[in-house]
Structures are given as structure tokens and as C-alpha cells.
mmCIF file of all heavy atoms, coordinates in Angstrom:
data_MODEL
# 
_entry.id   MODEL 
# 
loop_
_atom_site.group_PDB 
_atom_site.id 
_atom_site.type_symbol 
_atom_site.label_atom_id 
_atom_site.label_alt_id 
_atom_site.label_comp_id 
_atom_site.label_asym_id 
_atom_site.label_entity_id 
_atom_site.label_seq_id 
_atom_site.pdbx_PDB_ins_code 
_atom_site.Cartn_x 
_atom_site.Cartn_y 
_atom_site.Cartn_z 
_atom_site.occupancy 
_atom_site.B_iso_or_equiv 
_atom_site.pdbx_formal_charge 
_atom_site.auth_seq_id 
_atom_site.auth_comp_id 
_atom_site.auth_asym_id 
_atom_site.auth_atom_id 
_atom_site.pdbx_PDB_model_num 
ATOM 1   N N   . ALA A 1 1  ? 105.867 -90.645  -16.298 1.00 0.00 ? 1  ALA A N   1 
ATOM 2   C CA  . ALA A 1 1  ? 107.128 -90.680  -17.051 1.00 0.00 ? 1  ALA A CA  1 
ATOM 3   C C   . ALA A 1 1  ? 107.414 -89.332  -17.697 1.00 0.00 ? 1  ALA A C   1 
ATOM 4   O O   . ALA A 1 1  ? 108.560 -88.860  -17.705 1.00 0.00 ? 1  ALA A O   1 
ATOM 5   C CB  . ALA A 1 1  ? 107.074 -91.777  -18.116 1.00 0.00 ? 1  ALA A CB  1 
ATOM 6   N N   . GLY A 1 2  ? 106.366 -88.689  -18.227 1.00 0.00 ? 2  GLY A N   1 
ATOM 7   C CA  . GLY A 1 2  ? 106.533 -87.373  -18.839 1.00 0.00 ? 2  GLY A CA  1 
ATOM 8   C C   . GLY A 1 2  ? 106.966 -86.317  -17.841 1.00 0.00 ? 2  GLY A C   1 
ATOM 9   O O   . GLY A 1 2  ? 107.812 -85.466  -18.137 1.00 0.00 ? 2  GLY A O   1 
ATOM 10  N N   . LEU A 1 3  ? 106.396 -86.378  -16.637 1.00 0.00 ? 3  LEU A N   1 
ATOM 11  C CA  . LEU A 1 3  ? 106.774 -85.420  -15.596 1.00 0.00 ? 3  LEU A CA  1 
ATOM 12  C C   . LEU A 1 3  ? 108.206 -85.644  -15.115 1.00 0.00 ? 3  LEU A C   1 
ATOM 13  O O   . LEU A 1 3  ? 108.931 -84.692  -14.811 1.00 0.00 ? 3  LEU A O   1 
ATOM 14  C CB  . LEU A 1 3  ? 105.809 -85.519  -14.414 1.00 0.00 ? 3  LEU A CB  1 
ATOM 15  C CG  . LEU A 1 3  ? 104.380 -85.005  -14.658 1.00 0.00 ? 3  LEU A CG  1 
ATOM 16  C CD1 . LEU A 1 3  ? 103.471 -85.434  -13.521 1.00 0.00 ? 3  LEU A CD1 1 
ATOM 17  C CD2 . LEU A 1 3  ? 104.358 -83.486  -14.810 1.00 0.00 ? 3  LEU A CD2 1 
ATOM 18  N N   . LEU A 1 4  ? 108.621 -86.904  -15.050 1.00 0.00 ? 4  LEU A N   1 
ATOM 19  C CA  . LEU A 1 4  ? 109.946 -87.226  -14.524 1.00 0.00 ? 4  LEU A CA  1 
ATOM 20  C C   . LEU A 1 4  ? 111.054 -86.973  -15.542 1.00 0.00 ? 4  LEU A C   1 
ATOM 21  O O   . LEU A 1 4  ? 112.099 -86.410  -15.212 1.00 0.00 ? 4  LEU A O   1 
ATOM 22  C CB  . LEU A 1 4  ? 109.980 -88.690  -14.073 1.00 0.00 ? 4  LEU A CB  1 
ATOM 23  C CG  . LEU A 1 4  ? 111.263 -89.161  -13.391 1.00 0.00 ? 4  LEU A CG  1 
ATOM 24  C CD1 . LEU A 1 4  ? 111.488 -88.403  -12.074 1.00 0.00 ? 4  LEU A CD1 1 
ATOM 25  C CD2 . LEU A 1 4  ? 111.203 -90.657  -13.126 1.00 0.00 ? 4  LEU A CD2 1 
ATOM 26  N N   . THR A 1 5  ? 110.824 -87.365  -16.793 1.00 0.00 ? 5  THR A N   1 
ATOM 27  C CA  . THR A 1 5  ? 111.881 -87.277  -17.810 1.00 0.00 ? 5  THR A CA  1 
ATOM 28  C C   . THR A 1 5  ? 111.725 -86.093  -18.760 1.00 0.00 ? 5  THR A C   1 
ATOM 29  O O   . THR A 1 5  ? 112.674 -85.729  -19.454 1.00 0.00 ? 5  THR A O   1 
ATOM 30  C CB  . THR A 1 5  ? 111.904 -88.568  -18.656 1.00 0.00 ? 5  THR A CB  1 
ATOM 31  O OG1 . THR A 1 5  ? 110.668 -88.674  -19.390 1.00 0.00 ? 5  THR A OG1 1 
ATOM 32  C CG2 . THR A 1 5  ? 112.066 -89.797  -17.766 1.00 0.00 ? 5  THR A CG2 1 
ATOM 33  N N   . GLY A 1 6  ? 110.528 -85.527  -18.796 1.00 0.00 ? 6  GLY A N   1 
ATOM 34  C CA  . GLY A 1 6  ? 110.266 -84.440  -19.735 1.00 0.00 ? 6  GLY A CA  1 
ATOM 35  C C   . GLY A 1 6  ? 109.949 -84.923  -21.142 1.00 0.00 ? 6  GLY A C   1 
ATOM 36  O O   . GLY A 1 6  ? 109.728 -84.119  -22.051 1.00 0.00 ? 6  GLY A O   1 
ATOM 37  N N   . ASP A 1 7  ? 109.907 -86.229  -21.350 1.00 0.00 ? 7  ASP A N   1 
ATOM 38  C CA  . ASP A 1 7  ? 109.599 -86.798  -22.661 1.00 0.00 ? 7  ASP A CA  1 
ATOM 39  C C   . ASP A 1 7  ? 108.083 -86.809  -22.863 1.00 0.00 ? 7  ASP A C   1 
ATOM 40  O O   . ASP A 1 7  ? 107.372 -87.591  -22.229 1.00 0.00 ? 7  ASP A O   1 
ATOM 41  C CB  . ASP A 1 7  ? 110.162 -88.216  -22.764 1.00 0.00 ? 7  ASP A CB  1 
ATOM 42  C CG  . ASP A 1 7  ? 109.886 -88.850  -24.122 1.00 0.00 ? 7  ASP A CG  1 
ATOM 43  O OD1 . ASP A 1 7  ? 109.517 -88.104  -25.052 1.00 0.00 ? 7  ASP A OD1 1 
ATOM 44  O OD2 . ASP A 1 7  ? 110.030 -90.081  -24.249 1.00 0.00 ? 7  ASP A OD2 1 
ATOM 45  N N   . LYS A 1 8  ? 107.602 -85.952  -23.743 1.00 0.00 ? 8  LYS A N   1 
ATOM 46  C CA  . LYS A 1 8  ? 106.169 -85.832  -23.973 1.00 0.00 ? 8  LYS A CA  1 
ATOM 47  C C   . LYS A 1 8  ? 105.734 -86.408  -25.316 1.00 0.00 ? 8  LYS A C   1 
ATOM 48  O O   . LYS A 1 8  ? 104.599 -86.233  -25.736 1.00 0.00 ? 8  LYS A O   1 
ATOM 49  C CB  . LYS A 1 8  ? 105.763 -84.356  -23.890 1.00 0.00 ? 8  LYS A CB  1 
ATOM 50  C CG  . LYS A 1 8  ? 106.022 -83.743  -22.512 1.00 0.00 ? 8  LYS A CG  1 
ATOM 51  C CD  . LYS A 1 8  ? 105.565 -82.304  -22.446 1.00 0.00 ? 8  LYS A CD  1 
ATOM 52  C CE  . LYS A 1 8  ? 105.791 -81.716  -21.057 1.00 0.00 ? 8  LYS A CE  1 
ATOM 53  N NZ  . LYS A 1 8  ? 105.333 -80.327  -20.955 1.00 0.00 ? 8  LYS A NZ  1 
ATOM 54  N N   . VAL A 1 9  ? 106.648 -87.082  -25.994 1.00 0.00 ? 9  VAL A N   1 
ATOM 55  C CA  . VAL A 1 9  ? 106.351 -87.646  -27.310 1.00 0.00 ? 9  VAL A CA  1 
ATOM 56  C C   . VAL A 1 9  ? 105.680 -89.016  -27.150 1.00 0.00 ? 9  VAL A C   1 
ATOM 57  O O   . VAL A 1 9  ? 106.124 -89.850  -26.366 1.00 0.00 ? 9  VAL A O   1 
ATOM 58  C CB  . VAL A 1 9  ? 107.633 -87.783  -28.152 1.00 0.00 ? 9  VAL A CB  1 
ATOM 59  C CG1 . VAL A 1 9  ? 107.323 -88.443  -29.497 1.00 0.00 ? 9  VAL A CG1 1 
ATOM 60  C CG2 . VAL A 1 9  ? 108.283 -86.417  -28.373 1.00 0.00 ? 9  VAL A CG2 1 
ATOM 61  N N   . MET A 1 10 ? 104.609 -89.225  -27.906 1.00 0.00 ? 10 MET A N   1 
ATOM 62  C CA  . MET A 1 10 ? 103.933 -90.518  -27.944 1.00 0.00 ? 10 MET A CA  1 
ATOM 63  C C   . MET A 1 10 ? 103.718 -90.901  -29.398 1.00 0.00 ? 10 MET A C   1 
ATOM 64  O O   . MET A 1 10 ? 103.210 -90.094  -30.184 1.00 0.00 ? 10 MET A O   1 
ATOM 65  C CB  . MET A 1 10 ? 102.595 -90.461  -27.197 1.00 0.00 ? 10 MET A CB  1 
ATOM 66  C CG  . MET A 1 10 ? 101.802 -91.753  -27.251 1.00 0.00 ? 10 MET A CG  1 
ATOM 67  S SD  . MET A 1 10 ? 100.268 -91.701  -26.295 1.00 0.00 ? 10 MET A SD  1 
ATOM 68  C CE  . MET A 1 10 ? 100.867 -92.121  -24.664 1.00 0.00 ? 10 MET A CE  1 
ATOM 69  N N   . SER A 1 11 ? 104.115 -92.098  -29.755 1.00 0.00 ? 11 SER A N   1 
ATOM 70  C CA  . SER A 1 11 ? 103.947 -92.537  -31.142 1.00 0.00 ? 11 SER A CA  1 
ATOM 71  C C   . SER A 1 11 ? 102.465 -92.651  -31.493 1.00 0.00 ? 11 SER A C   1 
ATOM 72  O O   . SER A 1 11 ? 101.605 -92.773  -30.606 1.00 0.00 ? 11 SER A O   1 
ATOM 73  C CB  . SER A 1 11 ? 104.643 -93.881  -31.357 1.00 0.00 ? 11 SER A CB  1 
ATOM 74  O OG  . SER A 1 11 ? 103.930 -94.915  -30.691 1.00 0.00 ? 11 SER A OG  1 
ATOM 75  N N   . TYR A 1 12 ? 102.177 -92.605  -32.775 1.00 0.00 ? 12 TYR A N   1 
ATOM 76  C CA  . TYR A 1 12 ? 100.796 -92.714  -33.262 1.00 0.00 ? 12 TYR A CA  1 
ATOM 77  C C   . TYR A 1 12 ? 100.150 -94.003  -32.765 1.00 0.00 ? 12 TYR A C   1 
ATOM 78  O O   . TYR A 1 12 ? 99.029  -93.995  -32.241 1.00 0.00 ? 12 TYR A O   1 
ATOM 79  C CB  . TYR A 1 12 ? 100.796 -92.660  -34.789 1.00 0.00 ? 12 TYR A CB  1 
ATOM 80  C CG  . TYR A 1 12 ? 99.435  -92.651  -35.430 1.00 0.00 ? 12 TYR A CG  1 
ATOM 81  C CD1 . TYR A 1 12 ? 98.782  -91.462  -35.712 1.00 0.00 ? 12 TYR A CD1 1 
ATOM 82  C CD2 . TYR A 1 12 ? 98.787  -93.852  -35.767 1.00 0.00 ? 12 TYR A CD2 1 
ATOM 83  C CE1 . TYR A 1 12 ? 97.523  -91.459  -36.304 1.00 0.00 ? 12 TYR A CE1 1 
ATOM 84  C CE2 . TYR A 1 12 ? 97.538  -93.856  -36.354 1.00 0.00 ? 12 TYR A CE2 1 
ATOM 85  C CZ  . TYR A 1 12 ? 96.910  -92.656  -36.625 1.00 0.00 ? 12 TYR A CZ  1 
ATOM 86  O OH  . TYR A 1 12 ? 95.664  -92.659  -37.211 1.00 0.00 ? 12 TYR A OH  1 
ATOM 87  N N   . ASN A 1 13 ? 100.868 -95.117  -32.889 1.00 0.00 ? 13 ASN A N   1 
ATOM 88  C CA  . ASN A 1 13 ? 100.321 -96.410  -32.470 1.00 0.00 ? 13 ASN A CA  1 
ATOM 89  C C   . ASN A 1 13 ? 100.110 -96.482  -30.961 1.00 0.00 ? 13 ASN A C   1 
ATOM 90  O O   . ASN A 1 13 ? 99.128  -97.079  -30.487 1.00 0.00 ? 13 ASN A O   1 
ATOM 91  C CB  . ASN A 1 13 ? 101.243 -97.543  -32.914 1.00 0.00 ? 13 ASN A CB  1 
ATOM 92  C CG  . ASN A 1 13 ? 101.214 -97.758  -34.422 1.00 0.00 ? 13 ASN A CG  1 
ATOM 93  O OD1 . ASN A 1 13 ? 100.231 -97.414  -35.083 1.00 0.00 ? 13 ASN A OD1 1 
ATOM 94  N ND2 . ASN A 1 13 ? 102.287 -98.311  -34.978 1.00 0.00 ? 13 ASN A ND2 1 
ATOM 95  N N   . ALA A 1 14 ? 101.040 -95.876  -30.201 1.00 0.00 ? 14 ALA A N   1 
ATOM 96  C CA  . ALA A 1 14 ? 100.888 -95.857  -28.742 1.00 0.00 ? 14 ALA A CA  1 
ATOM 97  C C   . ALA A 1 14 ? 99.675  -95.030  -28.343 1.00 0.00 ? 14 ALA A C   1 
ATOM 98  O O   . ALA A 1 14 ? 98.945  -95.382  -27.405 1.00 0.00 ? 14 ALA A O   1 
ATOM 99  C CB  . ALA A 1 14 ? 102.149 -95.289  -28.088 1.00 0.00 ? 14 ALA A CB  1 
ATOM 100 N N   . CYS A 1 15 ? 99.436  -93.949  -29.067 1.00 0.00 ? 15 CYS A N   1 
ATOM 101 C CA  . CYS A 1 15 ? 98.263  -93.102  -28.809 1.00 0.00 ? 15 CYS A CA  1 
ATOM 102 C C   . CYS A 1 15 ? 96.978  -93.875  -29.091 1.00 0.00 ? 15 CYS A C   1 
ATOM 103 O O   . CYS A 1 15 ? 96.033  -93.831  -28.297 1.00 0.00 ? 15 CYS A O   1 
ATOM 104 C CB  . CYS A 1 15 ? 98.343  -91.845  -29.678 1.00 0.00 ? 15 CYS A CB  1 
ATOM 105 S SG  . CYS A 1 15 ? 97.040  -90.636  -29.358 1.00 0.00 ? 15 CYS A SG  1 
ATOM 106 N N   . VAL A 1 16 ? 96.958  -94.597  -30.206 1.00 0.00 ? 16 VAL A N   1 
ATOM 107 C CA  . VAL A 1 16 ? 95.798  -95.428  -30.550 1.00 0.00 ? 16 VAL A CA  1 
ATOM 108 C C   . VAL A 1 16 ? 95.545  -96.470  -29.468 1.00 0.00 ? 16 VAL A C   1 
ATOM 109 O O   . VAL A 1 16 ? 94.409  -96.677  -29.022 1.00 0.00 ? 16 VAL A O   1 
ATOM 110 C CB  . VAL A 1 16 ? 96.010  -96.124  -31.917 1.00 0.00 ? 16 VAL A CB  1 
ATOM 111 C CG1 . VAL A 1 16 ? 94.878  -97.112  -32.188 1.00 0.00 ? 16 VAL A CG1 1 
ATOM 112 C CG2 . VAL A 1 16 ? 96.091  -95.108  -33.036 1.00 0.00 ? 16 VAL A CG2 1 
ATOM 113 N N   . THR A 1 17 ? 96.622  -97.122  -29.021 1.00 0.00 ? 17 THR A N   1 
ATOM 114 C CA  . THR A 1 17 ? 96.504  -98.179  -28.004 1.00 0.00 ? 17 THR A CA  1 
ATOM 115 C C   . THR A 1 17 ? 95.995  -97.613  -26.686 1.00 0.00 ? 17 THR A C   1 
ATOM 116 O O   . THR A 1 17 ? 95.093  -98.193  -26.050 1.00 0.00 ? 17 THR A O   1 
ATOM 117 C CB  . THR A 1 17 ? 97.869  -98.862  -27.784 1.00 0.00 ? 17 THR A CB  1 
ATOM 118 O OG1 . THR A 1 17 ? 98.335  -99.385  -29.029 1.00 0.00 ? 17 THR A OG1 1 
ATOM 119 C CG2 . THR A 1 17 ? 97.756  -99.986  -26.774 1.00 0.00 ? 17 THR A CG2 1 
ATOM 120 N N   . GLN A 1 18 ? 96.567  -96.482  -26.257 1.00 0.00 ? 18 GLN A N   1 
ATOM 121 C CA  . GLN A 1 18 ? 96.131  -95.864  -25.000 1.00 0.00 ? 18 GLN A CA  1 
ATOM 122 C C   . GLN A 1 18 ? 94.657  -95.484  -25.059 1.00 0.00 ? 18 GLN A C   1 
ATOM 123 O O   . GLN A 1 18 ? 93.887  -95.763  -24.130 1.00 0.00 ? 18 GLN A O   1 
ATOM 124 C CB  . GLN A 1 18 ? 96.971  -94.626  -24.698 1.00 0.00 ? 18 GLN A CB  1 
ATOM 125 C CG  . GLN A 1 18 ? 96.634  -93.987  -23.360 1.00 0.00 ? 18 GLN A CG  1 
ATOM 126 C CD  . GLN A 1 18 ? 97.362  -92.668  -23.141 1.00 0.00 ? 18 GLN A CD  1 
ATOM 127 O OE1 . GLN A 1 18 ? 97.171  -91.703  -23.873 1.00 0.00 ? 18 GLN A OE1 1 
ATOM 128 N NE2 . GLN A 1 18 ? 98.198  -92.627  -22.117 1.00 0.00 ? 18 GLN A NE2 1 
ATOM 129 N N   . PHE A 1 19 ? 94.259  -94.860  -26.156 1.00 0.00 ? 19 PHE A N   1 
ATOM 130 C CA  . PHE A 1 19 ? 92.868  -94.442  -26.329 1.00 0.00 ? 19 PHE A CA  1 
ATOM 131 C C   . PHE A 1 19 ? 91.926  -95.649  -26.317 1.00 0.00 ? 19 PHE A C   1 
ATOM 132 O O   . PHE A 1 19 ? 90.885  -95.628  -25.648 1.00 0.00 ? 19 PHE A O   1 
ATOM 133 C CB  . PHE A 1 19 ? 92.722  -93.673  -27.649 1.00 0.00 ? 19 PHE A CB  1 
ATOM 134 C CG  . PHE A 1 19 ? 91.326  -93.194  -27.928 1.00 0.00 ? 19 PHE A CG  1 
ATOM 135 C CD1 . PHE A 1 19 ? 90.834  -92.051  -27.335 1.00 0.00 ? 19 PHE A CD1 1 
ATOM 136 C CD2 . PHE A 1 19 ? 90.489  -93.903  -28.789 1.00 0.00 ? 19 PHE A CD2 1 
ATOM 137 C CE1 . PHE A 1 19 ? 89.539  -91.602  -27.585 1.00 0.00 ? 19 PHE A CE1 1 
ATOM 138 C CE2 . PHE A 1 19 ? 89.203  -93.474  -29.042 1.00 0.00 ? 19 PHE A CE2 1 
ATOM 139 C CZ  . PHE A 1 19 ? 88.727  -92.319  -28.440 1.00 0.00 ? 19 PHE A CZ  1 
ATOM 140 N N   . PHE A 1 20 ? 92.313  -96.711  -27.025 1.00 0.00 ? 20 PHE A N   1 
ATOM 141 C CA  . PHE A 1 20 ? 91.466  -97.901  -27.113 1.00 0.00 ? 20 PHE A CA  1 
ATOM 142 C C   . PHE A 1 20 ? 91.211  -98.514  -25.738 1.00 0.00 ? 20 PHE A C   1 
ATOM 143 O O   . PHE A 1 20 ? 90.061  -98.768  -25.370 1.00 0.00 ? 20 PHE A O   1 
ATOM 144 C CB  . PHE A 1 20 ? 92.117  -98.936  -28.034 1.00 0.00 ? 20 PHE A CB  1 
ATOM 145 C CG  . PHE A 1 20 ? 91.349  -100.230 -28.132 1.00 0.00 ? 20 PHE A CG  1 
ATOM 146 C CD1 . PHE A 1 20 ? 90.307  -100.362 -29.033 1.00 0.00 ? 20 PHE A CD1 1 
ATOM 147 C CD2 . PHE A 1 20 ? 91.663  -101.311 -27.319 1.00 0.00 ? 20 PHE A CD2 1 
ATOM 148 C CE1 . PHE A 1 20 ? 89.582  -101.551 -29.119 1.00 0.00 ? 20 PHE A CE1 1 
ATOM 149 C CE2 . PHE A 1 20 ? 90.948  -102.497 -27.396 1.00 0.00 ? 20 PHE A CE2 1 
ATOM 150 C CZ  . PHE A 1 20 ? 89.903  -102.612 -28.305 1.00 0.00 ? 20 PHE A CZ  1 
ATOM 151 N N   . PHE A 1 21 ? 92.278  -98.751  -24.974 1.00 0.00 ? 21 PHE A N   1 
ATOM 152 C CA  . PHE A 1 21 ? 92.109  -99.416  -23.680 1.00 0.00 ? 21 PHE A CA  1 
ATOM 153 C C   . PHE A 1 21 ? 91.434  -98.508  -22.664 1.00 0.00 ? 21 PHE A C   1 
ATOM 154 O O   . PHE A 1 21 ? 90.653  -98.980  -21.819 1.00 0.00 ? 21 PHE A O   1 
ATOM 155 C CB  . PHE A 1 21 ? 93.453  -99.923  -23.164 1.00 0.00 ? 21 PHE A CB  1 
ATOM 156 C CG  . PHE A 1 21 ? 93.892  -101.195 -23.830 1.00 0.00 ? 21 PHE A CG  1 
ATOM 157 C CD1 . PHE A 1 21 ? 94.891  -101.192 -24.790 1.00 0.00 ? 21 PHE A CD1 1 
ATOM 158 C CD2 . PHE A 1 21 ? 93.284  -102.397 -23.532 1.00 0.00 ? 21 PHE A CD2 1 
ATOM 159 C CE1 . PHE A 1 21 ? 95.282  -102.362 -25.426 1.00 0.00 ? 21 PHE A CE1 1 
ATOM 160 C CE2 . PHE A 1 21 ? 93.659  -103.583 -24.159 1.00 0.00 ? 21 PHE A CE2 1 
ATOM 161 C CZ  . PHE A 1 21 ? 94.660  -103.562 -25.108 1.00 0.00 ? 21 PHE A CZ  1 
ATOM 162 N N   . PHE A 1 22 ? 91.702  -97.212  -22.734 1.00 0.00 ? 22 PHE A N   1 
ATOM 163 C CA  . PHE A 1 22 ? 91.016  -96.282  -21.835 1.00 0.00 ? 22 PHE A CA  1 
ATOM 164 C C   . PHE A 1 22 ? 89.511  -96.335  -22.059 1.00 0.00 ? 22 PHE A C   1 
ATOM 165 O O   . PHE A 1 22 ? 88.730  -96.483  -21.113 1.00 0.00 ? 22 PHE A O   1 
ATOM 166 C CB  . PHE A 1 22 ? 91.537  -94.859  -22.053 1.00 0.00 ? 22 PHE A CB  1 
ATOM 167 C CG  . PHE A 1 22 ? 90.762  -93.814  -21.305 1.00 0.00 ? 22 PHE A CG  1 
ATOM 168 C CD1 . PHE A 1 22 ? 90.883  -93.695  -19.929 1.00 0.00 ? 22 PHE A CD1 1 
ATOM 169 C CD2 . PHE A 1 22 ? 89.911  -92.949  -21.979 1.00 0.00 ? 22 PHE A CD2 1 
ATOM 170 C CE1 . PHE A 1 22 ? 90.151  -92.739  -19.233 1.00 0.00 ? 22 PHE A CE1 1 
ATOM 171 C CE2 . PHE A 1 22 ? 89.180  -91.989  -21.290 1.00 0.00 ? 22 PHE A CE2 1 
ATOM 172 C CZ  . PHE A 1 22 ? 89.301  -91.885  -19.917 1.00 0.00 ? 22 PHE A CZ  1 
ATOM 173 N N   . VAL A 1 23 ? 89.079  -96.243  -23.331 1.00 0.00 ? 23 VAL A N   1 
ATOM 174 C CA  . VAL A 1 23 ? 87.648  -96.277  -23.654 1.00 0.00 ? 23 VAL A CA  1 
ATOM 175 C C   . VAL A 1 23 ? 87.042  -97.631  -23.291 1.00 0.00 ? 23 VAL A C   1 
ATOM 176 O O   . VAL A 1 23 ? 85.932  -97.708  -22.754 1.00 0.00 ? 23 VAL A O   1 
ATOM 177 C CB  . VAL A 1 23 ? 87.420  -95.959  -25.148 1.00 0.00 ? 23 VAL A CB  1 
ATOM 178 C CG1 . VAL A 1 23 ? 85.946  -96.137  -25.524 1.00 0.00 ? 23 VAL A CG1 1 
ATOM 179 C CG2 . VAL A 1 23 ? 87.867  -94.538  -25.461 1.00 0.00 ? 23 VAL A CG2 1 
ATOM 180 N N   . ALA A 1 24 ? 87.781  -98.713  -23.563 1.00 0.00 ? 24 ALA A N   1 
ATOM 181 C CA  . ALA A 1 24 ? 87.266  -100.057 -23.277 1.00 0.00 ? 24 ALA A CA  1 
ATOM 182 C C   . ALA A 1 24 ? 86.975  -100.230 -21.788 1.00 0.00 ? 24 ALA A C   1 
ATOM 183 O O   . ALA A 1 24 ? 85.891  -100.692 -21.400 1.00 0.00 ? 24 ALA A O   1 
ATOM 184 C CB  . ALA A 1 24 ? 88.272  -101.110 -23.737 1.00 0.00 ? 24 ALA A CB  1 
ATOM 185 N N   . PHE A 1 25 ? 87.929  -99.853  -20.939 1.00 0.00 ? 25 PHE A N   1 
ATOM 186 C CA  . PHE A 1 25 ? 87.747  -100.043 -19.503 1.00 0.00 ? 25 PHE A CA  1 
ATOM 187 C C   . PHE A 1 25 ? 86.719  -99.076  -18.916 1.00 0.00 ? 25 PHE A C   1 
ATOM 188 O O   . PHE A 1 25 ? 85.952  -99.444  -18.019 1.00 0.00 ? 25 PHE A O   1 
ATOM 189 C CB  . PHE A 1 25 ? 89.085  -99.901  -18.781 1.00 0.00 ? 25 PHE A CB  1 
ATOM 190 C CG  . PHE A 1 25 ? 89.991  -101.093 -18.953 1.00 0.00 ? 25 PHE A CG  1 
ATOM 191 C CD1 . PHE A 1 25 ? 91.253  -100.966 -19.526 1.00 0.00 ? 25 PHE A CD1 1 
ATOM 192 C CD2 . PHE A 1 25 ? 89.589  -102.352 -18.550 1.00 0.00 ? 25 PHE A CD2 1 
ATOM 193 C CE1 . PHE A 1 25 ? 92.086  -102.062 -19.690 1.00 0.00 ? 25 PHE A CE1 1 
ATOM 194 C CE2 . PHE A 1 25 ? 90.405  -103.466 -18.712 1.00 0.00 ? 25 PHE A CE2 1 
ATOM 195 C CZ  . PHE A 1 25 ? 91.658  -103.314 -19.282 1.00 0.00 ? 25 PHE A CZ  1 
ATOM 196 N N   . ILE A 1 26 ? 86.691  -97.837  -19.435 1.00 0.00 ? 26 ILE A N   1 
ATOM 197 C CA  . ILE A 1 26 ? 85.705  -96.868  -18.955 1.00 0.00 ? 26 ILE A CA  1 
ATOM 198 C C   . ILE A 1 26 ? 84.290  -97.344  -19.282 1.00 0.00 ? 26 ILE A C   1 
ATOM 199 O O   . ILE A 1 26 ? 83.374  -97.254  -18.453 1.00 0.00 ? 26 ILE A O   1 
ATOM 200 C CB  . ILE A 1 26 ? 85.960  -95.480  -19.592 1.00 0.00 ? 26 ILE A CB  1 
ATOM 201 C CG1 . ILE A 1 26 ? 87.129  -94.780  -18.883 1.00 0.00 ? 26 ILE A CG1 1 
ATOM 202 C CG2 . ILE A 1 26 ? 84.726  -94.604  -19.515 1.00 0.00 ? 26 ILE A CG2 1 
ATOM 203 C CD1 . ILE A 1 26 ? 86.817  -94.290  -17.488 1.00 0.00 ? 26 ILE A CD1 1 
# 
């Protein structure tokens, strides 16, 4: 999405969520 739209902003909560699930699955 960032590459297509150029939108590189991620909310604090979205960052927390992404980090949590990435670590959990890894």
C-alpha cells in the first residue's frame, strides 16, 4: 500500500498491532 499510494504513515496502535502479530507468528 505504501509503494502504491505513497502513504507511509502508520498510527501508534497499528504499529503495536503489526509488531505484536509479527513476533507472535515468527
